[in-house]
Amino acid sequence: MCTSIVEIVKAEGSGKGKDGWFALTNSVVSYDHPHYAMLEEAITIDFVNHGRGPDARAAVELTLESAKELHGALSRAIAAAEKEESQRAA
């Protein structure tokens, strides 16, 4: 089943692809058939630089449970980083 679930956001940072490191322009999160993982459906996260073509891509395919765990870890790390940054500014 194709879900048409896709979220695209701007991204600043770097990703590592087959030709080495590249600057990011976007992150793409989708829920659909994976390309590689042996799953019926997967949360796929692509970190891309659209200006450099299809080779400027770093991707992961996760089960829903793994994606939830990653979401929690990101939320906790972001909260801790924001606290750290606020203490530096004080």
PDB file of N, CA and C in Angstrom:
ATOM      1  N   MET A   1       0.848  -1.173   0.000  1.00  0.00           N
ATOM      2  CA  MET A   1       0.000   0.000   0.000  1.00  0.00           C
ATOM      3  C   MET A   1       0.889   1.228   0.000  1.00  0.00           C
ATOM      4  N   CYS A   2       0.656   2.136  -0.908  1.00  0.00           N
ATOM      5  CA  CYS A   2       1.378   3.407  -0.917  1.00  0.00           C
ATOM      6  C   CYS A   2       0.613   4.380  -0.029  1.00  0.00           C
ATOM      7  N   THR A   3       1.333   5.028   0.871  1.00  0.00           N
ATOM      8  CA  THR A   3       0.657   5.857   1.865  1.00  0.00           C
ATOM      9  C   THR A   3       0.628   7.339   1.523  1.00  0.00           C
ATOM     10  N   SER A   4       1.545   7.802   0.701  1.00  0.00           N
ATOM     11  CA  SER A   4       1.676   9.226   0.385  1.00  0.00           C
ATOM     12  C   SER A   4       1.979  10.061   1.625  1.00  0.00           C
ATOM     13  N   ILE A   5       2.526   9.450   2.672  1.00  0.00           N
ATOM     14  CA  ILE A   5       2.920  10.176   3.878  1.00  0.00           C
ATOM     15  C   ILE A   5       4.352  10.652   3.682  1.00  0.00           C
ATOM     16  N   VAL A   6       4.520  11.972   3.524  1.00  0.00           N
ATOM     17  CA  VAL A   6       5.841  12.557   3.300  1.00  0.00           C
ATOM     18  C   VAL A   6       5.898  13.914   3.991  1.00  0.00           C
ATOM     19  N   GLU A   7       6.956  14.141   4.739  1.00  0.00           N
ATOM     20  CA  GLU A   7       7.227  15.432   5.365  1.00  0.00           C
ATOM     21  C   GLU A   7       8.621  15.872   4.931  1.00  0.00           C
ATOM     22  N   ILE A   8       8.734  17.097   4.432  1.00  0.00           N
ATOM     23  CA  ILE A   8      10.019  17.629   3.985  1.00  0.00           C
ATOM     24  C   ILE A   8      10.298  18.914   4.755  1.00  0.00           C
ATOM     25  N   VAL A   9      11.497  18.996   5.349  1.00  0.00           N
ATOM     26  CA  VAL A   9      11.893  20.198   6.077  1.00  0.00           C
ATOM     27  C   VAL A   9      13.294  20.618   5.633  1.00  0.00           C
ATOM     28  N   LYS A  10      13.573  21.903   5.776  1.00  0.00           N
ATOM     29  CA  LYS A  10      14.929  22.393   5.513  1.00  0.00           C
ATOM     30  C   LYS A  10      15.866  21.807   6.557  1.00  0.00           C
ATOM     31  N   ALA A  11      17.100  21.586   6.177  1.00  0.00           N
ATOM     32  CA  ALA A  11      18.085  21.047   7.102  1.00  0.00           C
ATOM     33  C   ALA A  11      19.424  21.752   6.887  1.00  0.00           C
ATOM     34  N   GLU A  12      20.081  22.060   7.981  1.00  0.00           N
ATOM     35  CA  GLU A  12      21.443  22.595   7.934  1.00  0.00           C
ATOM     36  C   GLU A  12      22.328  21.628   8.683  1.00  0.00           C
ATOM     37  N   GLY A  13      23.408  21.243   8.082  1.00  0.00           N
ATOM     38  CA  GLY A  13      24.330  20.295   8.684  1.00  0.00           C
ATOM     39  C   GLY A  13      25.053  19.551   7.580  1.00  0.00           C
ATOM     40  N   SER A  14      25.519  18.352   7.888  1.00  0.00           N
ATOM     41  CA  SER A  14      26.254  17.548   6.926  1.00  0.00           C
ATOM     42  C   SER A  14      25.792  16.109   6.982  1.00  0.00           C
ATOM     43  N   GLY A  15      25.887  15.444   5.859  1.00  0.00           N
ATOM     44  CA  GLY A  15      25.593  14.023   5.770  1.00  0.00           C
ATOM     45  C   GLY A  15      26.735  13.331   5.047  1.00  0.00           C
ATOM     46  N   LYS A  16      26.855  12.030   5.238  1.00  0.00           N
ATOM     47  CA  LYS A  16      27.912  11.280   4.571  1.00  0.00           C
ATOM     48  C   LYS A  16      27.289  10.264   3.636  1.00  0.00           C
ATOM     49  N   GLY A  17      27.599  10.394   2.365  1.00  0.00           N
ATOM     50  CA  GLY A  17      27.098   9.487   1.345  1.00  0.00           C
ATOM     51  C   GLY A  17      28.235   8.698   0.728  1.00  0.00           C
ATOM     52  N   LYS A  18      27.971   8.096  -0.405  1.00  0.00           N
ATOM     53  CA  LYS A  18      28.976   7.232  -1.034  1.00  0.00           C
ATOM     54  C   LYS A  18      30.212   7.995  -1.494  1.00  0.00           C
ATOM     55  N   ASP A  19      30.080   9.290  -1.760  1.00  0.00           N
ATOM     56  CA  ASP A  19      31.212  10.099  -2.196  1.00  0.00           C
ATOM     57  C   ASP A  19      31.788  10.959  -1.075  1.00  0.00           C
ATOM     58  N   GLY A  20      31.434  10.653   0.181  1.00  0.00           N
ATOM     59  CA  GLY A  20      31.955  11.410   1.319  1.00  0.00           C
ATOM     60  C   GLY A  20      30.931  12.381   1.872  1.00  0.00           C
ATOM     61  N   TRP A  21      31.411  13.353   2.625  1.00  0.00           N
ATOM     62  CA  TRP A  21      30.539  14.309   3.310  1.00  0.00           C
ATOM     63  C   TRP A  21      29.989  15.344   2.336  1.00  0.00           C
ATOM     64  N   PHE A  22      28.764  15.783   2.607  1.00  0.00           N
ATOM     65  CA  PHE A  22      28.126  16.824   1.803  1.00  0.00           C
ATOM     66  C   PHE A  22      27.239  17.670   2.694  1.00  0.00           C
ATOM     67  N   ALA A  23      27.058  18.932   2.296  1.00  0.00           N
ATOM     68  CA  ALA A  23      26.163  19.838   3.029  1.00  0.00           C
ATOM     69  C   ALA A  23      24.724  19.433   2.785  1.00  0.00           C
ATOM     70  N   LEU A  24      23.890  19.521   3.829  1.00  0.00           N
ATOM     71  CA  LEU A  24      22.470  19.172   3.707  1.00  0.00           C
ATOM     72  C   LEU A  24      21.644  20.378   3.303  1.00  0.00           C
ATOM     73  N   THR A  25      20.578  20.124   2.564  1.00  0.00           N
ATOM     74  CA  THR A  25      19.586  21.153   2.269  1.00  0.00           C
ATOM     75  C   THR A  25      18.226  20.782   2.853  1.00  0.00           C
ATOM     76  N   ASN A  26      17.929  19.478   2.923  1.00  0.00           N
ATOM     77  CA  ASN A  26      16.626  19.028   3.386  1.00  0.00           C
ATOM     78  C   ASN A  26      16.703  17.686   4.094  1.00  0.00           C
ATOM     79  N   SER A  27      15.697  17.442   4.933  1.00  0.00           N
ATOM     80  CA  SER A  27      15.436  16.119   5.502  1.00  0.00           C
ATOM     81  C   SER A  27      14.048  15.716   5.024  1.00  0.00           C
ATOM     82  N   VAL A  28      13.927  14.477   4.590  1.00  0.00           N
ATOM     83  CA  VAL A  28      12.662  13.961   4.079  1.00  0.00           C
ATOM     84  C   VAL A  28      12.287  12.744   4.925  1.00  0.00           C
ATOM     85  N   VAL A  29      11.111  12.797   5.537  1.00  0.00           N
ATOM     86  CA  VAL A  29      10.623  11.691   6.349  1.00  0.00           C
ATOM     87  C   VAL A  29       9.366  11.151   5.677  1.00  0.00           C
ATOM     88  N   SER A  30       9.337   9.837   5.467  1.00  0.00           N
ATOM     89  CA  SER A  30       8.166   9.245   4.823  1.00  0.00           C
ATOM     90  C   SER A  30       7.825   7.903   5.469  1.00  0.00           C
ATOM     91  N   TYR A  31       6.621   7.445   5.202  1.00  0.00           N
ATOM     92  CA  TYR A  31       6.169   6.118   5.632  1.00  0.00           C
ATOM     93  C   TYR A  31       5.647   5.418   4.392  1.00  0.00           C
ATOM     94  N   ASP A  32       6.382   4.408   3.951  1.00  0.00           N
ATOM     95  CA  ASP A  32       6.023   3.727   2.712  1.00  0.00           C
ATOM     96  C   ASP A  32       6.821   2.433   2.605  1.00  0.00           C
ATOM     97  N   HIS A  33       6.779   1.811   1.444  1.00  0.00           N
ATOM     98  CA  HIS A  33       7.571   0.608   1.213  1.00  0.00           C
ATOM     99  C   HIS A  33       9.052   0.969   1.288  1.00  0.00           C
ATOM    100  N   PRO A  34       9.842   0.229   2.063  1.00  0.00           N
ATOM    101  CA  PRO A  34      11.277   0.502   2.101  1.00  0.00           C
ATOM    102  C   PRO A  34      11.965   0.010   0.822  1.00  0.00           C
ATOM    103  N   HIS A  35      13.126   0.563   0.543  1.00  0.00           N
ATOM    104  CA  HIS A  35      13.904   0.131  -0.622  1.00  0.00           C
ATOM    105  C   HIS A  35      14.773  -1.070  -0.283  1.00  0.00           C
ATOM    106  N   TYR A  36      15.241  -1.155   0.961  1.00  0.00           N
ATOM    107  CA  TYR A  36      16.202  -2.186   1.317  1.00  0.00           C
ATOM    108  C   TYR A  36      15.754  -3.064   2.486  1.00  0.00           C
ATOM    109  N   ALA A  37      15.257  -2.440   3.542  1.00  0.00           N
ATOM    110  CA  ALA A  37      14.869  -3.197   4.739  1.00  0.00           C
ATOM    111  C   ALA A  37      13.777  -4.205   4.401  1.00  0.00           C
ATOM    112  N   MET A  38      13.862  -5.371   4.998  1.00  0.00           N
ATOM    113  CA  MET A  38      12.888  -6.432   4.757  1.00  0.00           C
ATOM    114  C   MET A  38      11.648  -6.196   5.634  1.00  0.00           C
ATOM    115  N   LEU A  39      10.944  -5.120   5.341  1.00  0.00           N
ATOM    116  CA  LEU A  39       9.740  -4.719   6.068  1.00  0.00           C
ATOM    117  C   LEU A  39       8.634  -4.428   5.069  1.00  0.00           C
ATOM    118  N   GLU A  40       7.394  -4.620   5.498  1.00  0.00           N
ATOM    119  CA  GLU A  40       6.253  -4.271   4.639  1.00  0.00           C
ATOM    120  C   GLU A  40       6.182  -2.767   4.430  1.00  0.00           C
ATOM    121  N   GLU A  41       6.319  -2.017   5.512  1.00  0.00           N
ATOM    122  CA  GLU A  41       6.321  -0.549   5.489  1.00  0.00           C
ATOM    123  C   GLU A  41       7.423  -0.084   6.443  1.00  0.00           C
ATOM    124  N   ALA A  42       7.930   1.117   6.231  1.00  0.00           N
ATOM    125  CA  ALA A  42       8.982   1.636   7.100  1.00  0.00           C
ATOM    126  C   ALA A  42       8.924   3.153   7.155  1.00  0.00           C
ATOM    127  N   ILE A  43       9.391   3.693   8.268  1.00  0.00           N
ATOM    128  CA  ILE A  43       9.681   5.120   8.336  1.00  0.00           C
ATOM    129  C   ILE A  43      11.044   5.284   7.682  1.00  0.00           C
ATOM    130  N   THR A  44      11.104   6.094   6.658  1.00  0.00           N
ATOM    131  CA  THR A  44      12.353   6.348   5.951  1.00  0.00           C
ATOM    132  C   THR A  44      12.751   7.795   6.180  1.00  0.00           C
ATOM    133  N   ILE A  45      14.009   7.988   6.533  1.00  0.00           N
ATOM    134  CA  ILE A  45      14.547   9.339   6.727  1.00  0.00           C
ATOM    135  C   ILE A  45      15.687   9.512   5.737  1.00  0.00           C
ATOM    136  N   ASP A  46      15.553  10.502   4.869  1.00  0.00           N
ATOM    137  CA  ASP A  46      16.590  10.836   3.902  1.00  0.00           C
ATOM    138  C   ASP A  46      17.146  12.211   4.241  1.00  0.00           C
ATOM    139  N   PHE A  47      18.451  12.289   4.301  1.00  0.00           N
ATOM    140  CA  PHE A  47      19.134  13.569   4.468  1.00  0.00           C
ATOM    141  C   PHE A  47      19.760  13.854   3.115  1.00  0.00           C
ATOM    142  N   VAL A  48      19.392  14.980   2.494  1.00  0.00           N
ATOM    143  CA  VAL A  48      19.756  15.218   1.097  1.00  0.00           C
ATOM    144  C   VAL A  48      20.281  16.623   0.855  1.00  0.00           C
ATOM    145  N   ASN A  49      20.960  16.750  -0.292  1.00  0.00           N
ATOM    146  CA  ASN A  49      21.307  18.049  -0.859  1.00  0.00           C
ATOM    147  C   ASN A  49      20.792  18.001  -2.284  1.00  0.00           C
ATOM    148  N   HIS A  50      19.627  18.608  -2.507  1.00  0.00           N
ATOM    149  CA  HIS A  50      18.975  18.515  -3.814  1.00  0.00           C
ATOM    150  C   HIS A  50      19.839  19.075  -4.936  1.00  0.00           C
ATOM    151  N   GLY A  51      20.672  20.049  -4.642  1.00  0.00           N
ATOM    152  CA  GLY A  51      21.518  20.661  -5.672  1.00  0.00           C
ATOM    153  C   GLY A  51      22.645  19.763  -6.154  1.00  0.00           C
ATOM    154  N   ARG A  52      22.965  18.724  -5.404  1.00  0.00           N
ATOM    155  CA  ARG A  52      24.072  17.838  -5.781  1.00  0.00           C
ATOM    156  C   ARG A  52      23.607  16.526  -6.388  1.00  0.00           C
ATOM    157  N   GLY A  53      22.317  16.370  -6.591  1.00  0.00           N
ATOM    158  CA  GLY A  53      21.817  15.170  -7.254  1.00  0.00           C
ATOM    159  C   GLY A  53      21.580  14.004  -6.318  1.00  0.00           C
ATOM    160  N   PRO A  54      21.202  12.845  -6.877  1.00  0.00           N
ATOM    161  CA  PRO A  54      20.797  11.699  -6.066  1.00  0.00           C
ATOM    162  C   PRO A  54      21.919  11.061  -5.238  1.00  0.00           C
ATOM    163  N   ASP A  55      23.165  11.300  -5.579  1.00  0.00           N
ATOM    164  CA  ASP A  55      24.257  10.720  -4.797  1.00  0.00           C
ATOM    165  C   ASP A  55      24.491  11.448  -3.478  1.00  0.00           C
ATOM    166  N   ALA A  56      23.959  12.662  -3.341  1.00  0.00           N
ATOM    167  CA  ALA A  56      24.095  13.411  -2.084  1.00  0.00           C
ATOM    168  C   ALA A  56      22.904  13.069  -1.200  1.00  0.00           C
ATOM    169  N   ARG A  57      22.925  11.818  -0.682  1.00  0.00           N
ATOM    170  CA  ARG A  57      21.801  11.296   0.101  1.00  0.00           C
ATOM    171  C   ARG A  57      22.331  10.314   1.133  1.00  0.00           C
ATOM    172  N   ALA A  58      21.863  10.486   2.354  1.00  0.00           N
ATOM    173  CA  ALA A  58      22.113   9.511   3.411  1.00  0.00           C
ATOM    174  C   ALA A  58      20.742   9.103   3.932  1.00  0.00           C
ATOM    175  N   ALA A  59      20.485   7.799   4.010  1.00  0.00           N
ATOM    176  CA  ALA A  59      19.133   7.340   4.323  1.00  0.00           C
ATOM    177  C   ALA A  59      19.129   6.239   5.378  1.00  0.00           C
ATOM    178  N   VAL A  60      18.013   6.166   6.115  1.00  0.00           N
ATOM    179  CA  VAL A  60      17.758   5.053   7.033  1.00  0.00           C
ATOM    180  C   VAL A  60      16.310   4.614   6.855  1.00  0.00           C
ATOM    181  N   GLU A  61      16.066   3.331   7.079  1.00  0.00           N
ATOM    182  CA  GLU A  61      14.723   2.770   7.048  1.00  0.00           C
ATOM    183  C   GLU A  61      14.495   2.082   8.385  1.00  0.00           C
ATOM    184  N   LEU A  62      13.456   2.499   9.101  1.00  0.00           N
ATOM    185  CA  LEU A  62      13.211   2.039  10.465  1.00  0.00           C
ATOM    186  C   LEU A  62      11.814   1.454  10.623  1.00  0.00           C
ATOM    187  N   THR A  63      11.701   0.496  11.542  1.00  0.00           N
ATOM    188  CA  THR A  63      10.369   0.050  11.937  1.00  0.00           C
ATOM    189  C   THR A  63       9.700   1.197  12.691  1.00  0.00           C
ATOM    190  N   LEU A  64       8.387   1.139  12.817  1.00  0.00           N
ATOM    191  CA  LEU A  64       7.685   2.173  13.579  1.00  0.00           C
ATOM    192  C   LEU A  64       8.194   2.240  15.013  1.00  0.00           C
ATOM    193  N   GLU A  65       8.430   1.085  15.634  1.00  0.00           N
ATOM    194  CA  GLU A  65       8.918   1.070  17.015  1.00  0.00           C
ATOM    195  C   GLU A  65      10.300   1.715  17.123  1.00  0.00           C
ATOM    196  N   SER A  66      11.184   1.404  16.192  1.00  0.00           N
ATOM    197  CA  SER A  66      12.512   2.025  16.201  1.00  0.00           C
ATOM    198  C   SER A  66      12.409   3.533  15.977  1.00  0.00           C
ATOM    199  N   ALA A  67      11.501   3.949  15.105  1.00  0.00           N
ATOM    200  CA  ALA A  67      11.310   5.382  14.859  1.00  0.00           C
ATOM    201  C   ALA A  67      10.797   6.086  16.116  1.00  0.00           C
ATOM    202  N   LYS A  68       9.904   5.432  16.863  1.00  0.00           N
ATOM    203  CA  LYS A  68       9.414   5.998  18.124  1.00  0.00           C
ATOM    204  C   LYS A  68      10.552   6.142  19.130  1.00  0.00           C
ATOM    205  N   GLU A  69      11.403   5.121  19.221  1.00  0.00           N
ATOM    206  CA  GLU A  69      12.556   5.185  20.126  1.00  0.00           C
ATOM    207  C   GLU A  69      13.488   6.322  19.722  1.00  0.00           C
ATOM    208  N   LEU A  70      13.733   6.474  18.425  1.00  0.00           N
ATOM    209  CA  LEU A  70      14.574   7.565  17.934  1.00  0.00           C
ATOM    210  C   LEU A  70      13.948   8.920  18.245  1.00  0.00           C
ATOM    211  N   HIS A  71      12.642   9.025  18.067  1.00  0.00           N
ATOM    212  CA  HIS A  71      11.927  10.269  18.379  1.00  0.00           C
ATOM    213  C   HIS A  71      12.126  10.640  19.847  1.00  0.00           C
ATOM    214  N   GLY A  72      11.979   9.671  20.734  1.00  0.00           N
ATOM    215  CA  GLY A  72      12.183   9.914  22.158  1.00  0.00           C
ATOM    216  C   GLY A  72      13.605  10.336  22.461  1.00  0.00           C
ATOM    217  N   ALA A  73      14.575   9.645  21.852  1.00  0.00           N
ATOM    218  CA  ALA A  73      15.985   9.985  22.075  1.00  0.00           C
ATOM    219  C   ALA A  73      16.296  11.385  21.573  1.00  0.00           C
ATOM    220  N   LEU A  74      15.767  11.748  20.413  1.00  0.00           N
ATOM    221  CA  LEU A  74      15.971  13.097  19.885  1.00  0.00           C
ATOM    222  C   LEU A  74      15.349  14.138  20.811  1.00  0.00           C
ATOM    223  N   SER A  75      14.149  13.881  21.286  1.00  0.00           N
ATOM    224  CA  SER A  75      13.474  14.829  22.185  1.00  0.00           C
ATOM    225  C   SER A  75      14.278  15.036  23.462  1.00  0.00           C
ATOM    226  N   ARG A  76      14.779  13.945  24.042  1.00  0.00           N
ATOM    227  CA  ARG A  76      15.575  14.060  25.267  1.00  0.00           C
ATOM    228  C   ARG A  76      16.889  14.785  25.019  1.00  0.00           C
ATOM    229  N   ALA A  77      17.560  14.471  23.910  1.00  0.00           N
ATOM    230  CA  ALA A  77      18.832  15.127  23.598  1.00  0.00           C
ATOM    231  C   ALA A  77      18.629  16.611  23.307  1.00  0.00           C
ATOM    232  N   ILE A  78      17.559  16.959  22.608  1.00  0.00           N
ATOM    233  CA  ILE A  78      17.263  18.360  22.311  1.00  0.00           C
ATOM    234  C   ILE A  78      16.975  19.121  23.591  1.00  0.00           C
ATOM    235  N   ALA A  79      16.178  18.555  24.475  1.00  0.00           N
ATOM    236  CA  ALA A  79      15.865  19.207  25.748  1.00  0.00           C
ATOM    237  C   ALA A  79      17.137  19.436  26.562  1.00  0.00           C
ATOM    238  N   ALA A  80      18.009  18.441  26.610  1.00  0.00           N
ATOM    239  CA  ALA A  80      19.263  18.581  27.363  1.00  0.00           C
ATOM    240  C   ALA A  80      20.174  19.622  26.716  1.00  0.00           C
ATOM    241  N   ALA A  81      20.227  19.642  25.388  1.00  0.00           N
ATOM    242  CA  ALA A  81      21.057  20.621  24.683  1.00  0.00           C
ATOM    243  C   ALA A  81      20.535  22.040  24.900  1.00  0.00           C
ATOM    244  N   GLU A  82      19.208  22.208  24.870  1.00  0.00           N
ATOM    245  CA  GLU A  82      18.632  23.537  25.108  1.00  0.00           C
ATOM    246  C   GLU A  82      18.929  24.013  26.523  1.00  0.00           C
ATOM    247  N   LYS A  83      18.879  23.116  27.487  1.00  0.00           N
ATOM    248  CA  LYS A  83      19.215  23.468  28.869  1.00  0.00           C
ATOM    249  C   LYS A  83      20.677  23.879  28.949  1.00  0.00           C
ATOM    250  N   GLU A  84      21.551  23.125  28.322  1.00  0.00           N
ATOM    251  CA  GLU A  84      22.984  23.435  28.306  1.00  0.00           C
ATOM    252  C   GLU A  84      23.225  24.805  27.669  1.00  0.00           C
ATOM    253  N   GLU A  85      22.589  25.065  26.540  1.00  0.00           N
ATOM    254  CA  GLU A  85      22.763  26.346  25.857  1.00  0.00           C
ATOM    255  C   GLU A  85      22.235  27.508  26.695  1.00  0.00           C
ATOM    256  N   SER A  86      21.119  27.307  27.373  1.00  0.00           N
ATOM    257  CA  SER A  86      20.566  28.389  28.209  1.00  0.00           C
ATOM    258  C   SER A  86      21.477  28.704  29.378  1.00  0.00           C
ATOM    259  N   GLN A  87      22.161  27.692  29.900  1.00  0.00           N
ATOM    260  CA  GLN A  87      23.096  27.924  31.018  1.00  0.00           C
ATOM    261  C   GLN A  87      24.348  28.652  30.532  1.00  0.00           C
ATOM    262  N   ARG A  88      24.754  28.428  29.304  1.00  0.00           N
ATOM    263  CA  ARG A  88      25.901  29.131  28.746  1.00  0.00           C
ATOM    264  C   ARG A  88      25.603  30.606  28.536  1.00  0.00           C
ATOM    265  N   ALA A  89      24.361  30.894  28.148  1.00  0.00           N
ATOM    266  CA  ALA A  89      23.955  32.286  27.872  1.00  0.00           C
ATOM    267  C   ALA A  89      23.813  33.091  29.141  1.00  0.00           C
ATOM    268  N   ALA A  90      23.609  32.439  30.277  1.00  0.00           N
ATOM    269  CA  ALA A  90      23.375  33.136  31.534  1.00  0.00           C
ATOM    270  C   ALA A  90      24.655  33.694  32.123  1.00  0.00           C
TER     271      ALA A  90
END
